[in-house]
């Protein structure tokens, strides 16, 4: 018997979204904080402390936000799952006809649609209704803890790089070095995210670099303005 296993890109969407968002936010928000504080004329110790504080606070915020958000999605899925299980228990024939109607809308004739519904319900009635009626797929099911950990870890991994840049460069080179390193990292991240997700690499790089450059330009301008005013 030949076993055929396929791995599709959609199976990566749960952790990929959280990881890319976390790393991008970690790099960009921390670098922007550093650039803004540096432009205000702060000393190197203050700049470094700002970067570390941004790393810790951001990682915890990402984890909490992602957990709450995905937990809400999981709660909705669980409520739908319980309701569907109850309906299958109380009105099995109505649920059978409902599932068959879905298959008729997809092109099957009435008798074949009923046969397919009967066989799928005999195998896993709840799974068939969750998948074909509600669109709840195991590959896309909400996993709050996984999403929270991926976000926190990826944010910290991204944020540590601008912080390390502060340690390596000082004086007048600091801001330029942080901006350059950040744009390169964002470009790499955009390319990796696009490739992993099966999208255009050029478009993925362009959008993260554009928004990254814009964010740092704005924070640099604000920092320079307030530093000059004070």
N, C-alpha and C. Protein backbone atom coordinates (compact mmCIF):
# COMPACT_ATOMS: atom_id res chain seq x y z
N UNK A 1 0.85 -1.21 0.00
CA UNK A 1 0.00 0.00 0.00
C UNK A 1 0.88 1.25 0.00
N UNK A 2 0.62 2.15 -0.93
CA UNK A 2 1.42 3.37 -1.05
C UNK A 2 0.82 4.45 -0.17
N UNK A 3 1.64 4.99 0.69
CA UNK A 3 1.21 6.09 1.54
C UNK A 3 1.69 7.40 0.94
N UNK A 4 0.79 8.30 0.77
CA UNK A 4 1.10 9.58 0.14
C UNK A 4 0.91 10.69 1.16
N UNK A 5 2.00 11.32 1.53
CA UNK A 5 1.92 12.39 2.53
C UNK A 5 2.27 13.71 1.86
N UNK A 6 1.46 14.71 2.09
CA UNK A 6 1.71 16.04 1.57
C UNK A 6 1.68 17.05 2.71
N UNK A 7 2.57 17.99 2.63
CA UNK A 7 2.57 19.10 3.59
C UNK A 7 2.24 20.37 2.82
N UNK A 8 1.16 21.00 3.19
CA UNK A 8 0.71 22.19 2.49
C UNK A 8 1.07 23.44 3.29
N UNK A 9 1.21 24.54 2.57
CA UNK A 9 1.60 25.80 3.20
C UNK A 9 0.59 26.27 4.23
N UNK A 10 -0.69 25.96 4.01
CA UNK A 10 -1.72 26.41 4.93
C UNK A 10 -1.54 25.83 6.33
N UNK A 11 -0.84 24.66 6.42
CA UNK A 11 -0.62 24.05 7.71
C UNK A 11 0.34 24.85 8.58
N UNK A 12 1.05 25.78 7.96
CA UNK A 12 2.00 26.60 8.71
C UNK A 12 1.41 27.91 9.20
N UNK A 13 0.17 28.19 8.80
CA UNK A 13 -0.34 29.54 8.99
C UNK A 13 -0.46 29.93 10.45
N UNK A 14 -0.78 28.96 11.33
CA UNK A 14 -0.97 29.30 12.73
C UNK A 14 0.28 29.85 13.39
N UNK A 15 1.38 29.09 13.30
CA UNK A 15 2.62 29.55 13.94
C UNK A 15 3.34 30.59 13.08
N UNK A 16 3.16 30.52 11.75
CA UNK A 16 3.87 31.44 10.87
C UNK A 16 3.42 32.88 11.10
N UNK A 17 2.12 33.08 11.20
CA UNK A 17 1.61 34.43 11.40
C UNK A 17 2.13 35.03 12.70
N UNK A 18 2.07 34.25 13.79
CA UNK A 18 2.52 34.75 15.08
C UNK A 18 4.03 34.99 15.09
N UNK A 19 4.79 34.08 14.47
CA UNK A 19 6.25 34.21 14.48
C UNK A 19 6.72 35.40 13.65
N UNK A 20 6.16 35.56 12.46
CA UNK A 20 6.56 36.68 11.60
C UNK A 20 6.16 38.01 12.23
N UNK A 21 4.94 38.07 12.76
CA UNK A 21 4.50 39.30 13.42
C UNK A 21 5.38 39.63 14.61
N UNK A 22 5.70 38.62 15.42
CA UNK A 22 6.52 38.85 16.61
C UNK A 22 7.92 39.33 16.26
N UNK A 23 8.57 38.65 15.32
CA UNK A 23 9.93 39.04 14.95
C UNK A 23 9.97 40.42 14.31
N UNK A 24 9.03 40.68 13.42
CA UNK A 24 8.96 41.99 12.77
C UNK A 24 8.75 43.10 13.80
N UNK A 25 7.82 42.88 14.72
CA UNK A 25 7.54 43.87 15.75
C UNK A 25 8.72 44.04 16.69
N UNK A 26 9.37 42.92 17.02
CA UNK A 26 10.53 42.99 17.91
C UNK A 26 11.66 43.81 17.33
N UNK A 27 11.98 43.55 16.08
CA UNK A 27 13.06 44.30 15.41
C UNK A 27 12.68 45.78 15.29
N UNK A 28 11.49 46.01 14.74
CA UNK A 28 11.12 47.38 14.38
C UNK A 28 10.81 48.26 15.58
N UNK A 29 10.03 47.76 16.54
CA UNK A 29 9.67 48.60 17.68
C UNK A 29 10.88 48.91 18.55
N UNK A 30 11.74 47.92 18.74
CA UNK A 30 12.93 48.15 19.56
C UNK A 30 13.90 49.09 18.87
N UNK A 31 14.11 48.87 17.57
CA UNK A 31 15.00 49.75 16.81
C UNK A 31 14.46 51.18 16.79
N UNK A 32 13.15 51.32 16.63
CA UNK A 32 12.55 52.66 16.60
C UNK A 32 12.71 53.36 17.95
N UNK A 33 12.52 52.61 19.05
CA UNK A 33 12.76 53.19 20.37
C UNK A 33 14.19 53.68 20.52
N UNK A 34 15.11 52.83 20.10
CA UNK A 34 16.54 53.17 20.22
C UNK A 34 16.87 54.40 19.38
N UNK A 35 16.38 54.43 18.13
CA UNK A 35 16.66 55.55 17.24
C UNK A 35 16.05 56.84 17.79
N UNK A 36 14.82 56.75 18.30
CA UNK A 36 14.17 57.94 18.84
C UNK A 36 14.87 58.49 20.06
N UNK A 37 15.27 57.61 20.98
CA UNK A 37 15.96 58.05 22.19
C UNK A 37 17.35 58.58 21.84
N UNK A 38 18.02 57.93 20.90
CA UNK A 38 19.35 58.39 20.49
C UNK A 38 19.27 59.76 19.82
N UNK A 39 18.24 59.97 18.99
CA UNK A 39 18.08 61.25 18.31
C UNK A 39 17.80 62.38 19.29
N UNK A 40 17.26 62.03 20.46
CA UNK A 40 16.99 63.05 21.48
C UNK A 40 18.24 63.45 22.25
N UNK A 41 19.36 62.79 21.95
CA UNK A 41 20.63 63.14 22.59
C UNK A 41 20.92 62.39 23.87
N UNK A 42 20.25 61.25 24.09
CA UNK A 42 20.47 60.48 25.31
C UNK A 42 21.84 59.80 25.27
N UNK A 43 22.38 59.50 26.45
CA UNK A 43 23.67 58.81 26.50
C UNK A 43 23.48 57.34 26.17
N UNK A 44 24.62 56.65 25.97
CA UNK A 44 24.58 55.26 25.51
C UNK A 44 23.91 54.34 26.53
N UNK A 45 24.12 54.57 27.82
CA UNK A 45 23.52 53.72 28.85
C UNK A 45 22.00 53.84 28.82
N UNK A 46 21.49 55.04 28.63
CA UNK A 46 20.04 55.24 28.56
C UNK A 46 19.46 54.58 27.31
N UNK A 47 20.18 54.69 26.22
CA UNK A 47 19.74 54.06 24.97
C UNK A 47 19.67 52.54 25.14
N UNK A 48 20.70 51.98 25.76
CA UNK A 48 20.74 50.53 25.97
C UNK A 48 19.62 50.08 26.90
N UNK A 49 19.41 50.82 27.97
CA UNK A 49 18.34 50.48 28.91
C UNK A 49 16.98 50.56 28.23
N UNK A 50 16.80 51.55 27.39
CA UNK A 50 15.55 51.68 26.65
C UNK A 50 15.31 50.46 25.76
N UNK A 51 16.36 50.03 25.08
CA UNK A 51 16.24 48.86 24.21
C UNK A 51 15.89 47.60 24.97
N UNK A 52 16.55 47.39 26.12
CA UNK A 52 16.28 46.19 26.93
C UNK A 52 14.86 46.24 27.49
N UNK A 53 14.45 47.41 27.98
CA UNK A 53 13.09 47.55 28.50
C UNK A 53 12.06 47.29 27.41
N UNK A 54 12.33 47.79 26.21
CA UNK A 54 11.43 47.56 25.10
C UNK A 54 11.34 46.09 24.74
N UNK A 55 12.48 45.39 24.83
CA UNK A 55 12.50 43.95 24.53
C UNK A 55 11.62 43.18 25.52
N UNK A 56 11.83 43.41 26.80
CA UNK A 56 11.09 42.67 27.83
C UNK A 56 9.60 43.00 27.78
N UNK A 57 9.29 44.29 27.77
CA UNK A 57 7.89 44.70 27.77
C UNK A 57 7.18 44.23 26.50
N UNK A 58 7.86 44.35 25.38
CA UNK A 58 7.25 43.95 24.12
C UNK A 58 6.98 42.46 24.04
N UNK A 59 7.94 41.65 24.50
CA UNK A 59 7.75 40.19 24.47
C UNK A 59 6.57 39.77 25.33
N UNK A 60 6.46 40.35 26.52
CA UNK A 60 5.36 40.01 27.41
C UNK A 60 4.02 40.51 26.83
N UNK A 61 4.03 41.69 26.25
CA UNK A 61 2.82 42.23 25.66
C UNK A 61 2.36 41.39 24.47
N UNK A 62 3.30 40.98 23.64
CA UNK A 62 2.95 40.15 22.49
C UNK A 62 2.36 38.82 22.94
N UNK A 63 2.98 38.21 23.94
CA UNK A 63 2.49 36.92 24.43
C UNK A 63 1.08 37.06 24.99
N UNK A 64 0.88 38.09 25.82
CA UNK A 64 -0.44 38.28 26.42
C UNK A 64 -1.49 38.60 25.36
N UNK A 65 -1.17 39.50 24.46
CA UNK A 65 -2.13 39.88 23.43
C UNK A 65 -2.48 38.72 22.51
N UNK A 66 -1.48 37.95 22.12
CA UNK A 66 -1.72 36.82 21.23
C UNK A 66 -2.53 35.74 21.94
N UNK A 67 -2.23 35.52 23.22
CA UNK A 67 -2.96 34.49 23.97
C UNK A 67 -4.43 34.86 24.11
N UNK A 68 -4.69 36.12 24.46
CA UNK A 68 -6.08 36.57 24.63
C UNK A 68 -6.82 36.50 23.30
N UNK A 69 -6.17 36.96 22.23
CA UNK A 69 -6.81 36.99 20.93
C UNK A 69 -7.14 35.58 20.43
N UNK A 70 -6.16 34.69 20.49
CA UNK A 70 -6.37 33.34 19.98
C UNK A 70 -7.28 32.55 20.91
N UNK A 71 -7.26 32.87 22.22
CA UNK A 71 -8.18 32.21 23.15
C UNK A 71 -9.62 32.55 22.81
N UNK A 72 -9.87 33.78 22.39
CA UNK A 72 -11.22 34.18 21.98
C UNK A 72 -11.66 33.36 20.77
N UNK A 73 -10.74 33.16 19.84
CA UNK A 73 -11.05 32.33 18.67
C UNK A 73 -11.31 30.89 19.09
N UNK A 74 -10.50 30.38 20.02
CA UNK A 74 -10.68 29.01 20.50
C UNK A 74 -12.01 28.85 21.22
N UNK A 75 -12.39 29.86 22.00
CA UNK A 75 -13.67 29.81 22.71
C UNK A 75 -14.83 29.74 21.72
N UNK A 76 -14.74 30.51 20.65
CA UNK A 76 -15.79 30.49 19.63
C UNK A 76 -15.86 29.13 18.95
N UNK A 77 -14.70 28.57 18.63
CA UNK A 77 -14.67 27.24 18.00
C UNK A 77 -15.25 26.18 18.93
N UNK A 78 -14.91 26.25 20.21
CA UNK A 78 -15.42 25.27 21.17
C UNK A 78 -16.94 25.39 21.33
N UNK A 79 -17.44 26.63 21.35
CA UNK A 79 -18.89 26.84 21.46
C UNK A 79 -19.60 26.24 20.25
N UNK A 80 -19.04 26.47 19.06
CA UNK A 80 -19.63 25.89 17.85
C UNK A 80 -19.55 24.37 17.88
N UNK A 81 -18.45 23.84 18.39
CA UNK A 81 -18.29 22.38 18.47
C UNK A 81 -19.34 21.76 19.40
N UNK A 82 -19.55 22.37 20.56
CA UNK A 82 -20.54 21.85 21.50
C UNK A 82 -21.96 21.96 20.94
N UNK A 83 -22.25 23.08 20.28
CA UNK A 83 -23.58 23.26 19.70
C UNK A 83 -23.84 22.24 18.60
N UNK A 84 -22.81 22.01 17.77
CA UNK A 84 -22.98 21.04 16.69
C UNK A 84 -23.15 19.63 17.24
N UNK A 85 -22.42 19.30 18.29
CA UNK A 85 -22.56 17.98 18.91
C UNK A 85 -23.97 17.80 19.48
N UNK A 86 -24.50 18.85 20.08
CA UNK A 86 -25.86 18.77 20.63
C UNK A 86 -26.89 18.60 19.52
N UNK A 87 -26.74 19.32 18.43
CA UNK A 87 -27.67 19.21 17.32
C UNK A 87 -27.61 17.83 16.69
N UNK A 88 -26.41 17.25 16.59
CA UNK A 88 -26.29 15.90 16.05
C UNK A 88 -27.00 14.88 16.94
N UNK A 89 -26.95 15.10 18.22
CA UNK A 89 -27.61 14.19 19.16
C UNK A 89 -29.13 14.35 19.13
N UNK A 90 -29.59 15.60 19.03
CA UNK A 90 -31.03 15.86 19.11
C UNK A 90 -31.73 15.74 17.76
N UNK A 91 -31.07 16.12 16.68
CA UNK A 91 -31.71 16.11 15.36
C UNK A 91 -30.77 15.51 14.31
N UNK A 92 -30.47 14.23 14.43
CA UNK A 92 -29.51 13.62 13.49
C UNK A 92 -29.96 13.66 12.03
N UNK A 93 -31.28 13.49 11.77
CA UNK A 93 -31.76 13.49 10.39
C UNK A 93 -31.65 14.87 9.77
N UNK A 94 -31.98 15.89 10.53
CA UNK A 94 -31.86 17.25 10.02
C UNK A 94 -30.40 17.58 9.71
N UNK A 95 -29.49 17.12 10.55
CA UNK A 95 -28.06 17.36 10.31
C UNK A 95 -27.58 16.57 9.10
N UNK A 96 -28.12 15.38 8.90
CA UNK A 96 -27.78 14.58 7.72
C UNK A 96 -28.20 15.31 6.46
N UNK A 97 -29.43 15.82 6.44
CA UNK A 97 -29.92 16.53 5.28
C UNK A 97 -29.13 17.82 5.04
N UNK A 98 -28.74 18.47 6.12
CA UNK A 98 -27.97 19.70 6.01
C UNK A 98 -26.61 19.43 5.38
N UNK A 99 -25.97 18.35 5.80
CA UNK A 99 -24.66 18.00 5.24
C UNK A 99 -24.80 17.60 3.77
N UNK A 100 -25.86 16.84 3.45
CA UNK A 100 -26.08 16.44 2.07
C UNK A 100 -26.33 17.65 1.18
N UNK A 101 -27.04 18.65 1.72
CA UNK A 101 -27.31 19.87 0.94
C UNK A 101 -26.01 20.60 0.61
N UNK A 102 -25.06 20.57 1.53
CA UNK A 102 -23.76 21.20 1.27
C UNK A 102 -23.08 20.53 0.09
N UNK A 103 -23.14 19.20 0.04
CA UNK A 103 -22.49 18.46 -1.05
C UNK A 103 -23.24 18.63 -2.36
N UNK A 104 -24.56 18.80 -2.29
CA UNK A 104 -25.32 19.07 -3.52
C UNK A 104 -24.92 20.43 -4.09
N UNK A 105 -24.71 21.40 -3.22
CA UNK A 105 -24.29 22.72 -3.68
C UNK A 105 -22.90 22.69 -4.30
N UNK A 106 -22.13 21.67 -3.96
CA UNK A 106 -20.79 21.53 -4.53
C UNK A 106 -20.79 20.72 -5.84
N UNK A 107 -21.98 20.24 -6.27
CA UNK A 107 -22.07 19.59 -7.57
C UNK A 107 -22.50 18.14 -7.57
N UNK A 108 -22.70 17.53 -6.41
CA UNK A 108 -23.13 16.14 -6.38
C UNK A 108 -24.64 16.05 -6.56
N UNK A 109 -25.09 14.93 -7.17
CA UNK A 109 -26.54 14.75 -7.26
C UNK A 109 -27.08 14.33 -5.89
N UNK A 110 -28.42 14.33 -5.76
CA UNK A 110 -29.04 14.15 -4.45
C UNK A 110 -28.67 12.82 -3.81
N UNK A 111 -28.75 11.74 -4.59
CA UNK A 111 -28.48 10.42 -4.02
C UNK A 111 -27.03 10.27 -3.59
N UNK A 112 -26.12 10.74 -4.45
CA UNK A 112 -24.70 10.64 -4.10
C UNK A 112 -24.37 11.52 -2.90
N UNK A 113 -24.98 12.70 -2.84
CA UNK A 113 -24.74 13.59 -1.70
C UNK A 113 -25.18 12.93 -0.40
N UNK A 114 -26.33 12.24 -0.42
CA UNK A 114 -26.79 11.54 0.77
C UNK A 114 -25.87 10.39 1.14
N UNK A 115 -25.37 9.68 0.13
CA UNK A 115 -24.43 8.58 0.40
C UNK A 115 -23.14 9.09 1.04
N UNK A 116 -22.63 10.19 0.48
CA UNK A 116 -21.40 10.78 1.04
C UNK A 116 -21.64 11.24 2.48
N UNK A 117 -22.78 11.91 2.70
CA UNK A 117 -23.11 12.37 4.05
C UNK A 117 -23.22 11.20 5.01
N UNK A 118 -23.86 10.13 4.58
CA UNK A 118 -24.03 8.95 5.44
C UNK A 118 -22.68 8.33 5.80
N UNK A 119 -21.81 8.19 4.82
CA UNK A 119 -20.51 7.55 5.07
C UNK A 119 -19.62 8.42 5.96
N UNK A 120 -19.62 9.73 5.70
CA UNK A 120 -18.80 10.62 6.52
C UNK A 120 -19.33 10.70 7.95
N UNK A 121 -20.65 10.71 8.10
CA UNK A 121 -21.22 10.78 9.44
C UNK A 121 -21.01 9.47 10.19
N UNK A 122 -21.00 8.36 9.46
CA UNK A 122 -20.72 7.08 10.11
C UNK A 122 -19.28 7.01 10.60
N UNK A 123 -18.40 7.67 9.86
CA UNK A 123 -16.98 7.68 10.25
C UNK A 123 -16.70 8.68 11.36
N UNK A 124 -17.16 9.93 11.18
CA UNK A 124 -16.94 10.99 12.16
C UNK A 124 -17.94 12.10 11.89
N UNK A 125 -19.12 11.97 12.47
CA UNK A 125 -20.20 12.91 12.19
C UNK A 125 -19.84 14.33 12.60
N UNK A 126 -19.32 14.48 13.81
CA UNK A 126 -18.98 15.81 14.29
C UNK A 126 -17.88 16.44 13.45
N UNK A 127 -16.83 15.67 13.14
CA UNK A 127 -15.74 16.18 12.33
C UNK A 127 -16.21 16.62 10.95
N UNK A 128 -17.13 15.85 10.35
CA UNK A 128 -17.64 16.20 9.02
C UNK A 128 -18.40 17.51 9.05
N UNK A 129 -19.23 17.71 10.07
CA UNK A 129 -19.99 18.95 10.16
C UNK A 129 -19.10 20.14 10.51
N UNK A 130 -18.14 19.95 11.39
CA UNK A 130 -17.24 21.05 11.72
C UNK A 130 -16.45 21.49 10.49
N UNK A 131 -15.99 20.53 9.73
CA UNK A 131 -15.17 20.84 8.56
C UNK A 131 -15.99 21.44 7.43
N UNK A 132 -17.09 20.77 7.04
CA UNK A 132 -17.81 21.17 5.83
C UNK A 132 -18.92 22.18 6.08
N UNK A 133 -19.46 22.22 7.27
CA UNK A 133 -20.52 23.19 7.56
C UNK A 133 -19.97 24.48 8.16
N UNK A 134 -19.00 24.34 9.08
CA UNK A 134 -18.49 25.52 9.80
C UNK A 134 -17.10 25.95 9.36
N UNK A 135 -16.41 25.11 8.58
CA UNK A 135 -15.08 25.48 8.10
C UNK A 135 -14.00 25.40 9.16
N UNK A 136 -14.24 24.61 10.22
CA UNK A 136 -13.23 24.43 11.26
C UNK A 136 -12.36 23.25 10.90
N UNK A 137 -11.12 23.53 10.56
CA UNK A 137 -10.18 22.50 10.11
C UNK A 137 -9.09 22.31 11.14
N UNK A 138 -8.67 21.07 11.35
CA UNK A 138 -7.67 20.78 12.36
C UNK A 138 -6.37 21.53 12.11
N UNK A 139 -6.03 21.73 10.84
CA UNK A 139 -4.78 22.43 10.52
C UNK A 139 -4.82 23.90 10.91
N UNK A 140 -6.05 24.45 11.01
CA UNK A 140 -6.20 25.88 11.29
C UNK A 140 -6.80 26.15 12.66
N UNK A 141 -6.96 25.12 13.47
CA UNK A 141 -7.59 25.29 14.77
C UNK A 141 -6.77 26.22 15.66
N UNK A 142 -7.44 27.01 16.48
CA UNK A 142 -6.76 27.97 17.34
C UNK A 142 -5.99 27.28 18.45
N UNK A 143 -4.73 27.67 18.64
CA UNK A 143 -3.88 27.13 19.70
C UNK A 143 -3.26 28.30 20.46
N UNK A 144 -3.92 28.77 21.51
CA UNK A 144 -3.49 29.99 22.21
C UNK A 144 -2.08 29.93 22.78
N UNK A 145 -1.73 28.84 23.46
CA UNK A 145 -0.40 28.73 24.08
C UNK A 145 0.68 28.72 23.02
N UNK A 146 0.48 27.96 21.97
CA UNK A 146 1.47 27.92 20.89
C UNK A 146 1.66 29.29 20.27
N UNK A 147 0.57 30.00 20.03
CA UNK A 147 0.66 31.32 19.43
C UNK A 147 1.35 32.31 20.37
N UNK A 148 1.04 32.24 21.66
CA UNK A 148 1.65 33.16 22.64
C UNK A 148 3.16 32.92 22.74
N UNK A 149 3.57 31.67 22.84
CA UNK A 149 4.99 31.35 22.96
C UNK A 149 5.75 31.74 21.69
N UNK A 150 5.13 31.48 20.54
CA UNK A 150 5.78 31.83 19.28
C UNK A 150 5.96 33.33 19.17
N UNK A 151 4.95 34.09 19.58
CA UNK A 151 5.03 35.55 19.51
C UNK A 151 6.10 36.10 20.44
N UNK A 152 6.10 35.62 21.71
CA UNK A 152 7.08 36.12 22.68
C UNK A 152 8.50 35.78 22.26
N UNK A 153 8.71 34.53 21.85
CA UNK A 153 10.06 34.09 21.47
C UNK A 153 10.56 34.83 20.23
N UNK A 154 9.68 34.98 19.24
CA UNK A 154 10.10 35.65 18.01
C UNK A 154 10.32 37.14 18.24
N UNK A 155 9.50 37.76 19.11
CA UNK A 155 9.70 39.17 19.43
C UNK A 155 11.06 39.36 20.09
N UNK A 156 11.36 38.53 21.09
CA UNK A 156 12.64 38.64 21.80
C UNK A 156 13.81 38.40 20.86
N UNK A 157 13.68 37.41 19.99
CA UNK A 157 14.76 37.11 19.04
C UNK A 157 14.99 38.28 18.10
N UNK A 158 13.91 38.93 17.68
CA UNK A 158 14.08 40.10 16.82
C UNK A 158 14.60 41.30 17.57
N UNK A 159 14.09 41.54 18.77
CA UNK A 159 14.45 42.74 19.53
C UNK A 159 15.90 42.73 20.01
N UNK A 160 16.45 41.54 20.24
CA UNK A 160 17.81 41.47 20.80
C UNK A 160 18.84 41.99 19.80
N UNK A 161 18.53 41.94 18.52
CA UNK A 161 19.51 42.33 17.51
C UNK A 161 19.78 43.83 17.49
N UNK A 162 18.78 44.70 17.52
CA UNK A 162 19.07 46.14 17.66
C UNK A 162 19.78 46.47 18.97
N UNK A 163 19.43 45.74 20.04
CA UNK A 163 20.10 45.97 21.33
C UNK A 163 21.59 45.63 21.23
N UNK A 164 21.90 44.51 20.58
CA UNK A 164 23.31 44.13 20.39
C UNK A 164 24.04 45.15 19.52
N UNK A 165 23.34 45.74 18.58
CA UNK A 165 23.95 46.76 17.74
C UNK A 165 24.40 47.97 18.57
N UNK A 166 23.61 48.33 19.58
CA UNK A 166 23.98 49.42 20.48
C UNK A 166 25.28 49.10 21.21
N UNK A 167 25.46 47.83 21.58
CA UNK A 167 26.67 47.43 22.28
C UNK A 167 27.90 47.47 21.37
N UNK A 168 27.68 47.24 20.08
CA UNK A 168 28.80 47.16 19.15
C UNK A 168 29.20 48.51 18.56
N UNK A 169 28.24 49.41 18.49
CA UNK A 169 28.52 50.71 17.87
C UNK A 169 28.18 51.83 18.85
N UNK A 170 28.96 52.87 18.82
CA UNK A 170 28.72 54.00 19.71
C UNK A 170 28.91 55.31 18.99
N UNK A 171 28.69 56.38 19.71
CA UNK A 171 28.93 57.72 19.16
C UNK A 171 28.03 58.04 17.98
N UNK A 172 28.60 58.72 17.03
CA UNK A 172 27.83 59.19 15.87
C UNK A 172 27.41 58.06 14.94
N UNK A 173 28.06 56.89 15.08
CA UNK A 173 27.73 55.76 14.20
C UNK A 173 26.53 54.97 14.69
N UNK A 174 26.10 55.19 15.92
CA UNK A 174 25.09 54.33 16.53
C UNK A 174 23.77 54.34 15.76
N UNK A 175 23.23 55.54 15.49
CA UNK A 175 21.93 55.62 14.83
C UNK A 175 22.00 55.01 13.43
N UNK A 176 23.03 55.37 12.68
CA UNK A 176 23.18 54.84 11.32
C UNK A 176 23.30 53.33 11.33
N UNK A 177 24.06 52.80 12.31
CA UNK A 177 24.25 51.35 12.40
C UNK A 177 22.94 50.64 12.72
N UNK A 178 22.18 51.19 13.67
CA UNK A 178 20.91 50.57 14.05
C UNK A 178 19.94 50.58 12.87
N UNK A 179 19.87 51.69 12.16
CA UNK A 179 18.97 51.78 11.00
C UNK A 179 19.38 50.78 9.93
N UNK A 180 20.67 50.73 9.62
CA UNK A 180 21.15 49.82 8.58
C UNK A 180 20.90 48.36 8.94
N UNK A 181 21.26 48.00 10.17
CA UNK A 181 21.06 46.62 10.61
C UNK A 181 19.58 46.26 10.60
N UNK A 182 18.75 47.18 11.06
CA UNK A 182 17.31 46.92 11.11
C UNK A 182 16.72 46.70 9.72
N UNK A 183 17.10 47.53 8.77
CA UNK A 183 16.56 47.39 7.42
C UNK A 183 17.02 46.08 6.78
N UNK A 184 18.26 45.69 7.03
CA UNK A 184 18.75 44.42 6.50
C UNK A 184 17.98 43.25 7.13
N UNK A 185 17.79 43.31 8.45
CA UNK A 185 17.06 42.25 9.14
C UNK A 185 15.62 42.17 8.67
N UNK A 186 14.98 43.31 8.48
CA UNK A 186 13.61 43.32 8.00
C UNK A 186 13.51 42.74 6.59
N UNK A 187 14.51 43.05 5.76
CA UNK A 187 14.52 42.49 4.41
C UNK A 187 14.64 40.97 4.45
N UNK A 188 15.54 40.48 5.31
CA UNK A 188 15.70 39.03 5.44
C UNK A 188 14.43 38.39 5.96
N UNK A 189 13.83 39.02 6.97
CA UNK A 189 12.59 38.50 7.55
C UNK A 189 11.47 38.49 6.51
N UNK A 190 11.37 39.55 5.73
CA UNK A 190 10.35 39.61 4.70
C UNK A 190 10.54 38.52 3.66
N UNK A 191 11.79 38.26 3.29
CA UNK A 191 12.07 37.22 2.30
C UNK A 191 11.75 35.83 2.86
N UNK A 192 12.15 35.58 4.11
CA UNK A 192 11.88 34.28 4.72
C UNK A 192 10.38 34.04 4.89
N UNK A 193 9.69 35.08 5.36
CA UNK A 193 8.25 34.95 5.54
C UNK A 193 7.53 34.70 4.23
N UNK A 194 7.94 35.41 3.18
CA UNK A 194 7.32 35.23 1.87
C UNK A 194 7.61 33.85 1.31
N UNK A 195 8.83 33.40 1.47
CA UNK A 195 9.19 32.08 0.93
C UNK A 195 8.46 30.98 1.68
N UNK A 196 8.41 31.09 3.01
CA UNK A 196 7.73 30.07 3.81
C UNK A 196 6.25 30.04 3.49
N UNK A 197 5.67 31.21 3.26
CA UNK A 197 4.25 31.29 2.97
C UNK A 197 3.91 31.13 1.51
N UNK A 198 4.92 30.95 0.66
CA UNK A 198 4.67 30.75 -0.77
C UNK A 198 4.29 32.00 -1.53
N UNK A 199 4.65 33.18 -1.01
CA UNK A 199 4.30 34.45 -1.66
C UNK A 199 5.51 35.01 -2.40
N UNK A 200 5.32 36.16 -3.04
CA UNK A 200 6.39 36.81 -3.77
C UNK A 200 7.45 37.36 -2.81
N UNK A 201 8.70 36.96 -3.00
CA UNK A 201 9.78 37.41 -2.12
C UNK A 201 10.02 38.91 -2.27
N UNK A 202 10.01 39.39 -3.50
CA UNK A 202 10.24 40.81 -3.74
C UNK A 202 9.20 41.68 -3.05
N UNK A 203 7.94 41.28 -3.16
CA UNK A 203 6.87 42.04 -2.53
C UNK A 203 6.97 41.97 -1.01
N UNK A 204 7.33 40.79 -0.50
CA UNK A 204 7.47 40.63 0.94
C UNK A 204 8.57 41.50 1.50
N UNK A 205 9.70 41.58 0.79
CA UNK A 205 10.82 42.41 1.23
C UNK A 205 10.45 43.88 1.16
N UNK A 206 9.84 44.28 0.05
CA UNK A 206 9.54 45.70 -0.17
C UNK A 206 8.61 46.26 0.90
N UNK A 207 7.58 45.50 1.27
CA UNK A 207 6.61 46.07 2.20
C UNK A 207 7.16 46.20 3.61
N UNK A 208 7.98 45.23 4.06
CA UNK A 208 8.50 45.36 5.43
C UNK A 208 9.60 46.42 5.50
N UNK A 209 10.40 46.54 4.46
CA UNK A 209 11.45 47.55 4.45
C UNK A 209 10.84 48.95 4.38
N UNK A 210 9.82 49.12 3.57
CA UNK A 210 9.16 50.43 3.45
C UNK A 210 8.59 50.88 4.80
N UNK A 211 7.80 50.03 5.42
CA UNK A 211 7.18 50.41 6.68
C UNK A 211 8.20 50.53 7.80
N UNK A 212 9.25 49.73 7.75
CA UNK A 212 10.31 49.85 8.75
C UNK A 212 11.04 51.17 8.64
N UNK A 213 11.39 51.55 7.41
CA UNK A 213 12.08 52.83 7.20
C UNK A 213 11.20 54.00 7.62
N UNK A 214 9.91 53.90 7.32
CA UNK A 214 8.98 54.97 7.68
C UNK A 214 8.86 55.10 9.20
N UNK A 215 8.74 53.97 9.89
CA UNK A 215 8.61 54.00 11.36
C UNK A 215 9.84 54.62 12.01
N UNK A 216 11.02 54.23 11.55
CA UNK A 216 12.24 54.78 12.15
C UNK A 216 12.44 56.25 11.81
N UNK A 217 12.02 56.64 10.61
CA UNK A 217 12.12 58.05 10.23
C UNK A 217 11.24 58.91 11.12
N UNK A 218 10.03 58.43 11.40
CA UNK A 218 9.10 59.18 12.24
C UNK A 218 9.63 59.29 13.66
N UNK A 219 10.09 58.17 14.24
CA UNK A 219 10.59 58.22 15.62
C UNK A 219 11.88 59.02 15.72
N UNK A 220 12.72 58.96 14.69
CA UNK A 220 13.93 59.78 14.69
C UNK A 220 13.56 61.26 14.69
N UNK A 221 12.59 61.63 13.85
CA UNK A 221 12.17 63.02 13.78
C UNK A 221 11.58 63.51 15.08
N UNK A 222 10.76 62.67 15.73
CA UNK A 222 10.15 63.05 17.00
C UNK A 222 11.23 63.19 18.09
N UNK A 223 12.13 62.23 18.13
CA UNK A 223 13.21 62.28 19.12
C UNK A 223 14.10 63.50 18.92
N UNK A 224 14.43 63.78 17.68
CA UNK A 224 15.28 64.94 17.40
C UNK A 224 14.55 66.24 17.77
N UNK A 225 13.25 66.32 17.48
CA UNK A 225 12.47 67.51 17.78
C UNK A 225 12.40 67.76 19.28
N UNK A 226 12.08 66.72 20.04
CA UNK A 226 11.96 66.87 21.49
C UNK A 226 13.33 67.10 22.13
N UNK A 227 14.35 66.45 21.57
CA UNK A 227 15.69 66.64 22.13
C UNK A 227 16.17 68.05 21.92
N UNK A 228 15.86 68.61 20.75
CA UNK A 228 16.25 70.00 20.48
C UNK A 228 15.46 70.97 21.34
N UNK A 229 14.15 70.68 21.50
CA UNK A 229 13.29 71.59 22.28
C UNK A 229 13.69 71.62 23.74
N UNK A 230 14.01 70.45 24.29
CA UNK A 230 14.40 70.38 25.69
C UNK A 230 15.79 70.94 25.88
